[in-house]
Amino acid sequence: MDTTTVGVDLAKNVFVTCVADCAGRIVERREFNRAGFLTWLGTLPAGTMIGMEACGSAHHWGRTA
């Protein structure tokens, strides 16, 4: 998969992600719990841009990513 951009909707229990390729086409949508999201972040290629909403936990997840 040619992942270049990931959009994340952060919530208390379920995180929803939308993955786009270099042409901007959506190639995958997934839902994760906190532990699953953390594991999945580790599988993303280096240089992947991750966009997330501005909320209380965004700083934590931004540092983690």
PDB file of N, CA and C in Angstrom:
ATOM      1  N   MET A   1       0.840  -1.179   0.000  1.00  0.00           N
ATOM      2  CA  MET A   1       0.000   0.000   0.000  1.00  0.00           C
ATOM      3  C   MET A   1       0.881   1.237   0.000  1.00  0.00           C
ATOM      4  N   ASP A   2       0.509   2.196  -0.805  1.00  0.00           N
ATOM      5  CA  ASP A   2       1.281   3.429  -0.954  1.00  0.00           C
ATOM      6  C   ASP A   2       0.688   4.517  -0.068  1.00  0.00           C
ATOM      7  N   THR A   3       0.765   4.319   1.235  1.00  0.00           N
ATOM      8  CA  THR A   3       0.180   5.267   2.181  1.00  0.00           C
ATOM      9  C   THR A   3       1.025   6.522   2.261  1.00  0.00           C
ATOM     10  N   THR A   4       0.381   7.675   2.102  1.00  0.00           N
ATOM     11  CA  THR A   4       1.092   8.941   2.279  1.00  0.00           C
ATOM     12  C   THR A   4       0.424   9.831   3.309  1.00  0.00           C
ATOM     13  N   THR A   5      -0.887   9.691   3.475  1.00  0.00           N
ATOM     14  CA  THR A   5      -1.635  10.560   4.378  1.00  0.00           C
ATOM     15  C   THR A   5      -2.652   9.739   5.171  1.00  0.00           C
ATOM     16  N   VAL A   6      -2.755  10.045   6.458  1.00  0.00           N
ATOM     17  CA  VAL A   6      -3.722   9.380   7.325  1.00  0.00           C
ATOM     18  C   VAL A   6      -4.498  10.453   8.067  1.00  0.00           C
ATOM     19  N   GLY A   7      -5.806  10.352   8.036  1.00  0.00           N
ATOM     20  CA  GLY A   7      -6.665  11.216   8.827  1.00  0.00           C
ATOM     21  C   GLY A   7      -7.212  10.417   9.992  1.00  0.00           C
ATOM     22  N   VAL A   8      -7.211  11.015  11.187  1.00  0.00           N
ATOM     23  CA  VAL A   8      -7.642  10.291  12.386  1.00  0.00           C
ATOM     24  C   VAL A   8      -8.719  11.091  13.113  1.00  0.00           C
ATOM     25  N   ASP A   9      -9.799  10.410  13.464  1.00  0.00           N
ATOM     26  CA  ASP A   9     -10.828  10.986  14.322  1.00  0.00           C
ATOM     27  C   ASP A   9     -10.625  10.376  15.703  1.00  0.00           C
ATOM     28  N   LEU A  10     -10.169  11.177  16.643  1.00  0.00           N
ATOM     29  CA  LEU A  10      -9.882  10.699  17.989  1.00  0.00           C
ATOM     30  C   LEU A  10     -11.150  10.721  18.830  1.00  0.00           C
ATOM     31  N   ALA A  11     -11.291   9.739  19.673  1.00  0.00           N
ATOM     32  CA  ALA A  11     -12.435   9.663  20.582  1.00  0.00           C
ATOM     33  C   ALA A  11     -11.964   8.987  21.861  1.00  0.00           C
ATOM     34  N   LYS A  12     -12.873   8.763  22.790  1.00  0.00           N
ATOM     35  CA  LYS A  12     -12.480   8.132  24.047  1.00  0.00           C
ATOM     36  C   LYS A  12     -12.129   6.666  23.866  1.00  0.00           C
ATOM     37  N   ASN A  13     -12.925   5.938  23.099  1.00  0.00           N
ATOM     38  CA  ASN A  13     -12.723   4.501  23.001  1.00  0.00           C
ATOM     39  C   ASN A  13     -12.419   3.999  21.599  1.00  0.00           C
ATOM     40  N   VAL A  14     -13.009   4.589  20.581  1.00  0.00           N
ATOM     41  CA  VAL A  14     -12.835   4.107  19.208  1.00  0.00           C
ATOM     42  C   VAL A  14     -12.233   5.216  18.353  1.00  0.00           C
ATOM     43  N   PHE A  15     -11.121   4.919  17.701  1.00  0.00           N
ATOM     44  CA  PHE A  15     -10.481   5.861  16.789  1.00  0.00           C
ATOM     45  C   PHE A  15     -10.777   5.402  15.373  1.00  0.00           C
ATOM     46  N   VAL A  16     -11.166   6.332  14.506  1.00  0.00           N
ATOM     47  CA  VAL A  16     -11.475   6.009  13.116  1.00  0.00           C
ATOM     48  C   VAL A  16     -10.392   6.634  12.238  1.00  0.00           C
ATOM     49  N   THR A  17      -9.829   5.825  11.334  1.00  0.00           N
ATOM     50  CA  THR A  17      -8.771   6.318  10.452  1.00  0.00           C
ATOM     51  C   THR A  17      -9.211   6.215   9.000  1.00  0.00           C
ATOM     52  N   CYS A  18      -8.672   7.094   8.198  1.00  0.00           N
ATOM     53  CA  CYS A  18      -8.908   7.123   6.761  1.00  0.00           C
ATOM     54  C   CYS A  18      -7.534   7.259   6.111  1.00  0.00           C
ATOM     55  N   VAL A  19      -7.158   6.303   5.289  1.00  0.00           N
ATOM     56  CA  VAL A  19      -5.825   6.267   4.685  1.00  0.00           C
ATOM     57  C   VAL A  19      -5.933   6.637   3.209  1.00  0.00           C
ATOM     58  N   ALA A  20      -5.065   7.554   2.756  1.00  0.00           N
ATOM     59  CA  ALA A  20      -5.055   7.984   1.359  1.00  0.00           C
ATOM     60  C   ALA A  20      -3.698   7.675   0.730  1.00  0.00           C
ATOM     61  N   ASP A  21      -3.705   7.422  -0.587  1.00  0.00           N
ATOM     62  CA  ASP A  21      -2.463   7.185  -1.312  1.00  0.00           C
ATOM     63  C   ASP A  21      -1.920   8.507  -1.846  1.00  0.00           C
ATOM     64  N   CYS A  22      -0.859   8.439  -2.648  1.00  0.00           N
ATOM     65  CA  CYS A  22      -0.205   9.662  -3.130  1.00  0.00           C
ATOM     66  C   CYS A  22      -1.091  10.470  -4.077  1.00  0.00           C
ATOM     67  N   ALA A  23      -2.107   9.854  -4.679  1.00  0.00           N
ATOM     68  CA  ALA A  23      -3.032  10.576  -5.557  1.00  0.00           C
ATOM     69  C   ALA A  23      -4.211  11.153  -4.784  1.00  0.00           C
ATOM     70  N   GLY A  24      -4.266  10.911  -3.476  1.00  0.00           N
ATOM     71  CA  GLY A  24      -5.344  11.422  -2.659  1.00  0.00           C
ATOM     72  C   GLY A  24      -6.569  10.528  -2.616  1.00  0.00           C
ATOM     73  N   ARG A  25      -6.469   9.329  -3.185  1.00  0.00           N
ATOM     74  CA  ARG A  25      -7.587   8.385  -3.166  1.00  0.00           C
ATOM     75  C   ARG A  25      -7.635   7.659  -1.831  1.00  0.00           C
ATOM     76  N   ILE A  26      -8.828   7.506  -1.290  1.00  0.00           N
ATOM     77  CA  ILE A  26      -9.009   6.766  -0.042  1.00  0.00           C
ATOM     78  C   ILE A  26      -8.817   5.285  -0.347  1.00  0.00           C
ATOM     79  N   VAL A  27      -7.870   4.664   0.340  1.00  0.00           N
ATOM     80  CA  VAL A  27      -7.590   3.250   0.092  1.00  0.00           C
ATOM     81  C   VAL A  27      -7.987   2.358   1.253  1.00  0.00           C
ATOM     82  N   GLU A  28      -8.269   2.958   2.415  1.00  0.00           N
ATOM     83  CA  GLU A  28      -8.612   2.135   3.570  1.00  0.00           C
ATOM     84  C   GLU A  28      -9.293   2.990   4.640  1.00  0.00           C
ATOM     85  N   ARG A  29     -10.282   2.413   5.284  1.00  0.00           N
ATOM     86  CA  ARG A  29     -10.925   3.019   6.457  1.00  0.00           C
ATOM     87  C   ARG A  29     -10.960   1.955   7.531  1.00  0.00           C
ATOM     88  N   ARG A  30     -10.567   2.322   8.738  1.00  0.00           N
ATOM     89  CA  ARG A  30     -10.526   1.345   9.831  1.00  0.00           C
ATOM     90  C   ARG A  30     -10.922   1.982  11.142  1.00  0.00           C
ATOM     91  N   GLU A  31     -11.352   1.144  12.077  1.00  0.00           N
ATOM     92  CA  GLU A  31     -11.651   1.568  13.443  1.00  0.00           C
ATOM     93  C   GLU A  31     -10.735   0.801  14.388  1.00  0.00           C
ATOM     94  N   PHE A  32     -10.243   1.501  15.416  1.00  0.00           N
ATOM     95  CA  PHE A  32      -9.318   0.904  16.377  1.00  0.00           C
ATOM     96  C   PHE A  32      -9.708   1.263  17.794  1.00  0.00           C
ATOM     97  N   ASN A  33      -9.360   0.415  18.746  1.00  0.00           N
ATOM     98  CA  ASN A  33      -9.355   0.818  20.136  1.00  0.00           C
ATOM     99  C   ASN A  33      -7.990   1.465  20.390  1.00  0.00           C
ATOM    100  N   ARG A  34      -7.750   1.963  21.575  1.00  0.00           N
ATOM    101  CA  ARG A  34      -6.488   2.679  21.845  1.00  0.00           C
ATOM    102  C   ARG A  34      -5.257   1.810  21.618  1.00  0.00           C
ATOM    103  N   ALA A  35      -5.270   0.592  22.125  1.00  0.00           N
ATOM    104  CA  ALA A  35      -4.108  -0.295  21.979  1.00  0.00           C
ATOM    105  C   ALA A  35      -3.889  -0.664  20.517  1.00  0.00           C
ATOM    106  N   GLY A  36      -4.960  -0.945  19.805  1.00  0.00           N
ATOM    107  CA  GLY A  36      -4.843  -1.291  18.390  1.00  0.00           C
ATOM    108  C   GLY A  36      -4.323  -0.140  17.562  1.00  0.00           C
ATOM    109  N   PHE A  37      -4.754   1.087  17.887  1.00  0.00           N
ATOM    110  CA  PHE A  37      -4.284   2.268  17.165  1.00  0.00           C
ATOM    111  C   PHE A  37      -2.793   2.474  17.378  1.00  0.00           C
ATOM    112  N   LEU A  38      -2.351   2.306  18.592  1.00  0.00           N
ATOM    113  CA  LEU A  38      -0.927   2.464  18.896  1.00  0.00           C
ATOM    114  C   LEU A  38      -0.095   1.446  18.115  1.00  0.00           C
ATOM    115  N   THR A  39      -0.530   0.210  18.075  1.00  0.00           N
ATOM    116  CA  THR A  39       0.179  -0.828  17.320  1.00  0.00           C
ATOM    117  C   THR A  39       0.186  -0.500  15.835  1.00  0.00           C
ATOM    118  N   TRP A  40      -0.957  -0.058  15.311  1.00  0.00           N
ATOM    119  CA  TRP A  40      -1.068   0.261  13.889  1.00  0.00           C
ATOM    120  C   TRP A  40      -0.177   1.442  13.501  1.00  0.00           C
ATOM    121  N   LEU A  41      -0.038   2.437  14.380  1.00  0.00           N
ATOM    122  CA  LEU A  41       0.847   3.569  14.090  1.00  0.00           C
ATOM    123  C   LEU A  41       2.272   3.104  13.795  1.00  0.00           C
ATOM    124  N   GLY A  42       2.706   2.077  14.499  1.00  0.00           N
ATOM    125  CA  GLY A  42       4.058   1.549  14.290  1.00  0.00           C
ATOM    126  C   GLY A  42       4.258   0.890  12.949  1.00  0.00           C
ATOM    127  N   THR A  43       3.184   0.563  12.244  1.00  0.00           N
ATOM    128  CA  THR A  43       3.311  -0.101  10.942  1.00  0.00           C
ATOM    129  C   THR A  43       3.331   0.878   9.776  1.00  0.00           C
ATOM    130  N   LEU A  44       3.074   2.158  10.037  1.00  0.00           N
ATOM    131  CA  LEU A  44       3.026   3.136   8.951  1.00  0.00           C
ATOM    132  C   LEU A  44       4.422   3.424   8.423  1.00  0.00           C
ATOM    133  N   PRO A  45       4.551   3.648   7.109  1.00  0.00           N
ATOM    134  CA  PRO A  45       5.862   3.968   6.541  1.00  0.00           C
ATOM    135  C   PRO A  45       6.381   5.313   7.049  1.00  0.00           C
ATOM    136  N   ALA A  46       7.690   5.446   7.099  1.00  0.00           N
ATOM    137  CA  ALA A  46       8.307   6.712   7.500  1.00  0.00           C
ATOM    138  C   ALA A  46       7.872   7.809   6.529  1.00  0.00           C
ATOM    139  N   GLY A  47       7.614   8.982   7.049  1.00  0.00           N
ATOM    140  CA  GLY A  47       7.217  10.113   6.217  1.00  0.00           C
ATOM    141  C   GLY A  47       5.723  10.236   5.993  1.00  0.00           C
ATOM    142  N   THR A  48       4.941   9.358   6.596  1.00  0.00           N
ATOM    143  CA  THR A  48       3.487   9.439   6.458  1.00  0.00           C
ATOM    144  C   THR A  48       2.973  10.657   7.216  1.00  0.00           C
ATOM    145  N   MET A  49       2.147  11.466   6.563  1.00  0.00           N
ATOM    146  CA  MET A  49       1.559  12.632   7.209  1.00  0.00           C
ATOM    147  C   MET A  49       0.293  12.184   7.944  1.00  0.00           C
ATOM    148  N   ILE A  50       0.209  12.531   9.219  1.00  0.00           N
ATOM    149  CA  ILE A  50      -0.948  12.163  10.025  1.00  0.00           C
ATOM    150  C   ILE A  50      -1.665  13.432  10.447  1.00  0.00           C
ATOM    151  N   GLY A  51      -2.920  13.541  10.059  1.00  0.00           N
ATOM    152  CA  GLY A  51      -3.738  14.689  10.432  1.00  0.00           C
ATOM    153  C   GLY A  51      -4.788  14.256  11.428  1.00  0.00           C
ATOM    154  N   MET A  52      -4.952  15.056  12.477  1.00  0.00           N
ATOM    155  CA  MET A  52      -5.967  14.731  13.474  1.00  0.00           C
ATOM    156  C   MET A  52      -6.607  16.012  13.980  1.00  0.00           C
ATOM    157  N   GLU A  53      -7.784  15.838  14.544  1.00  0.00           N
ATOM    158  CA  GLU A  53      -8.508  16.987  15.060  1.00  0.00           C
ATOM    159  C   GLU A  53      -7.784  17.602  16.254  1.00  0.00           C
ATOM    160  N   ALA A  54      -8.058  18.845  16.515  1.00  0.00           N
ATOM    161  CA  ALA A  54      -7.487  19.515  17.682  1.00  0.00           C
ATOM    162  C   ALA A  54      -8.400  19.252  18.874  1.00  0.00           C
ATOM    163  N   CYS A  55      -7.934  18.442  19.789  1.00  0.00           N
ATOM    164  CA  CYS A  55      -8.718  18.138  20.988  1.00  0.00           C
ATOM    165  C   CYS A  55      -7.747  17.896  22.136  1.00  0.00           C
ATOM    166  N   GLY A  56      -8.262  17.585  23.287  1.00  0.00           N
ATOM    167  CA  GLY A  56      -7.428  17.419  24.467  1.00  0.00           C
ATOM    168  C   GLY A  56      -6.368  16.344  24.349  1.00  0.00           C
ATOM    169  N   SER A  57      -6.670  15.263  23.634  1.00  0.00           N
ATOM    170  CA  SER A  57      -5.701  14.171  23.539  1.00  0.00           C
ATOM    171  C   SER A  57      -4.831  14.245  22.284  1.00  0.00           C
ATOM    172  N   ALA A  58      -5.057  15.228  21.430  1.00  0.00           N
ATOM    173  CA  ALA A  58      -4.309  15.327  20.172  1.00  0.00           C
ATOM    174  C   ALA A  58      -2.815  15.533  20.413  1.00  0.00           C
ATOM    175  N   HIS A  59      -2.441  16.289  21.424  1.00  0.00           N
ATOM    176  CA  HIS A  59      -1.023  16.512  21.696  1.00  0.00           C
ATOM    177  C   HIS A  59      -0.350  15.203  22.108  1.00  0.00           C
ATOM    178  N   HIS A  60      -1.021  14.433  22.943  1.00  0.00           N
ATOM    179  CA  HIS A  60      -0.472  13.136  23.350  1.00  0.00           C
ATOM    180  C   HIS A  60      -0.275  12.230  22.141  1.00  0.00           C
ATOM    181  N   TRP A  61      -1.302  12.093  21.302  1.00  0.00           N
ATOM    182  CA  TRP A  61      -1.193  11.192  20.152  1.00  0.00           C
ATOM    183  C   TRP A  61      -0.220  11.723  19.112  1.00  0.00           C
ATOM    184  N   GLY A  62      -0.105  13.037  18.990  1.00  0.00           N
ATOM    185  CA  GLY A  62       0.881  13.619  18.077  1.00  0.00           C
ATOM    186  C   GLY A  62       2.302  13.297  18.500  1.00  0.00           C
ATOM    187  N   ARG A  63       2.567  13.388  19.792  1.00  0.00           N
ATOM    188  CA  ARG A  63       3.901  13.023  20.295  1.00  0.00           C
ATOM    189  C   ARG A  63       4.147  11.525  20.135  1.00  0.00           C
ATOM    190  N   THR A  64       3.119  10.725  20.351  1.00  0.00           N
ATOM    191  CA  THR A  64       3.254   9.278  20.220  1.00  0.00           C
ATOM    192  C   THR A  64       3.534   8.881  18.769  1.00  0.00           C
ATOM    193  N   ALA A  65       2.848   9.538  17.845  1.00  0.00           N
ATOM    194  CA  ALA A  65       3.034   9.213  16.423  1.00  0.00           C
ATOM    195  C   ALA A  65       4.414   9.625  15.962  1.00  0.00           C
TER     196      ALA A  65
END
